Amino acid sequence: MIPEVLADAFDVGPEATKFFVSFLNRVQRYHVDNINGAKTEETRCRRVEKSVQLFLTAKPR
């Protein structure tokens, strides 16, 4: 399940969504677990931003 903050970020960058969907499940889970593991909202937002930037530059990690 994609975290809501990541899904909202995908609304801004549809290219990132296409790239994320093309990942293997383990790579998708890496990003989702990384975001869900954040203890503060600030950290969560920073991790989402970093992930989306990686996806826009076509890098899985």
C-alpha atoms as a PDB file:
ATOM      1  CA  MET A   1       0.000   0.000   0.000  1.00  0.00           C
ATOM      2  CA  ILE A   2       1.363   3.385  -1.004  1.00  0.00           C
ATOM      3  CA  PRO A   3       1.478   5.946   1.820  1.00  0.00           C
ATOM      4  CA  GLU A   4      -0.942   8.830   1.344  1.00  0.00           C
ATOM      5  CA  VAL A   5       1.837  11.437   1.330  1.00  0.00           C
ATOM      6  CA  LEU A   6       3.620   9.574  -1.471  1.00  0.00           C
ATOM      7  CA  ALA A   7       0.412   9.202  -3.463  1.00  0.00           C
ATOM      8  CA  ASP A   8      -0.185  12.947  -3.071  1.00  0.00           C
ATOM      9  CA  ALA A   9       3.337  13.626  -4.309  1.00  0.00           C
ATOM     10  CA  PHE A  10       2.616  11.488  -7.371  1.00  0.00           C
ATOM     11  CA  ASP A  11      -0.237  13.858  -8.249  1.00  0.00           C
ATOM     12  CA  VAL A  12       2.411  16.529  -8.786  1.00  0.00           C
ATOM     13  CA  GLY A  13       4.735  14.348 -10.876  1.00  0.00           C
ATOM     14  CA  PRO A  14       2.968  11.699 -12.975  1.00  0.00           C
ATOM     15  CA  GLU A  15       6.323  10.683 -14.474  1.00  0.00           C
ATOM     16  CA  ALA A  16       7.414   9.632 -11.000  1.00  0.00           C
ATOM     17  CA  THR A  17       4.340   7.421 -10.699  1.00  0.00           C
ATOM     18  CA  LYS A  18       5.140   5.604 -13.919  1.00  0.00           C
ATOM     19  CA  PHE A  19       8.708   5.021 -12.777  1.00  0.00           C
ATOM     20  CA  PHE A  20       7.638   3.814  -9.311  1.00  0.00           C
ATOM     21  CA  VAL A  21       5.139   1.337 -10.775  1.00  0.00           C
ATOM     22  CA  SER A  22       7.866  -0.125 -12.988  1.00  0.00           C
ATOM     23  CA  PHE A  23       9.949  -1.117  -9.927  1.00  0.00           C
ATOM     24  CA  LEU A  24      10.169  -4.616  -8.573  1.00  0.00           C
ATOM     25  CA  ASN A  25       8.089  -5.103  -5.444  1.00  0.00           C
ATOM     26  CA  ARG A  26      11.156  -5.105  -3.188  1.00  0.00           C
ATOM     27  CA  VAL A  27      12.259  -1.690  -4.436  1.00  0.00           C
ATOM     28  CA  GLN A  28       8.756  -0.280  -4.025  1.00  0.00           C
ATOM     29  CA  ARG A  29       8.643  -1.702  -0.514  1.00  0.00           C
ATOM     30  CA  TYR A  30      12.038  -0.146   0.288  1.00  0.00           C
ATOM     31  CA  HIS A  31      10.659   3.314  -0.435  1.00  0.00           C
ATOM     32  CA  VAL A  32       7.309   2.705   1.268  1.00  0.00           C
ATOM     33  CA  ASP A  33       8.950   1.284   4.410  1.00  0.00           C
ATOM     34  CA  ASN A  34      11.410   4.164   4.465  1.00  0.00           C
ATOM     35  CA  ILE A  35       8.562   6.684   4.386  1.00  0.00           C
ATOM     36  CA  ASN A  36       6.345   4.798   6.842  1.00  0.00           C
ATOM     37  CA  GLY A  37       9.275   4.419   9.246  1.00  0.00           C
ATOM     38  CA  ALA A  38       9.636   8.159   9.733  1.00  0.00           C
ATOM     39  CA  LYS A  39       8.799   9.250  13.263  1.00  0.00           C
ATOM     40  CA  THR A  40       7.980  12.879  12.502  1.00  0.00           C
ATOM     41  CA  GLU A  41       5.948  14.516   9.772  1.00  0.00           C
ATOM     42  CA  GLU A  42       8.978  16.608   8.841  1.00  0.00           C
ATOM     43  CA  THR A  43      11.120  13.528   8.234  1.00  0.00           C
ATOM     44  CA  ARG A  44       8.310  11.842   6.315  1.00  0.00           C
ATOM     45  CA  CYS A  45       7.938  14.838   3.988  1.00  0.00           C
ATOM     46  CA  ARG A  46      11.687  15.023   3.445  1.00  0.00           C
ATOM     47  CA  ARG A  47      11.825  11.320   2.543  1.00  0.00           C
ATOM     48  CA  VAL A  48       8.897  11.631   0.142  1.00  0.00           C
ATOM     49  CA  GLU A  49      10.562  14.596  -1.526  1.00  0.00           C
ATOM     50  CA  LYS A  50      13.839  12.694  -1.870  1.00  0.00           C
ATOM     51  CA  SER A  51      12.096   9.619  -3.288  1.00  0.00           C
ATOM     52  CA  VAL A  52      10.143  11.614  -5.864  1.00  0.00           C
ATOM     53  CA  GLN A  53      13.319  13.411  -6.957  1.00  0.00           C
ATOM     54  CA  LEU A  54      15.009  10.028  -7.437  1.00  0.00           C
ATOM     55  CA  PHE A  55      12.071   8.790  -9.501  1.00  0.00           C
ATOM     56  CA  LEU A  56      12.089  11.904 -11.690  1.00  0.00           C
ATOM     57  CA  THR A  57      15.780  11.331 -12.441  1.00  0.00           C
ATOM     58  CA  ALA A  58      15.052   7.644 -13.209  1.00  0.00           C
ATOM     59  CA  LYS A  59      17.015   6.273 -10.252  1.00  0.00           C
ATOM     60  CA  PRO A  60      15.496   3.494  -8.141  1.00  0.00           C
ATOM     61  CA  ARG A  61      17.584   4.286  -5.005  1.00  0.00           C
END
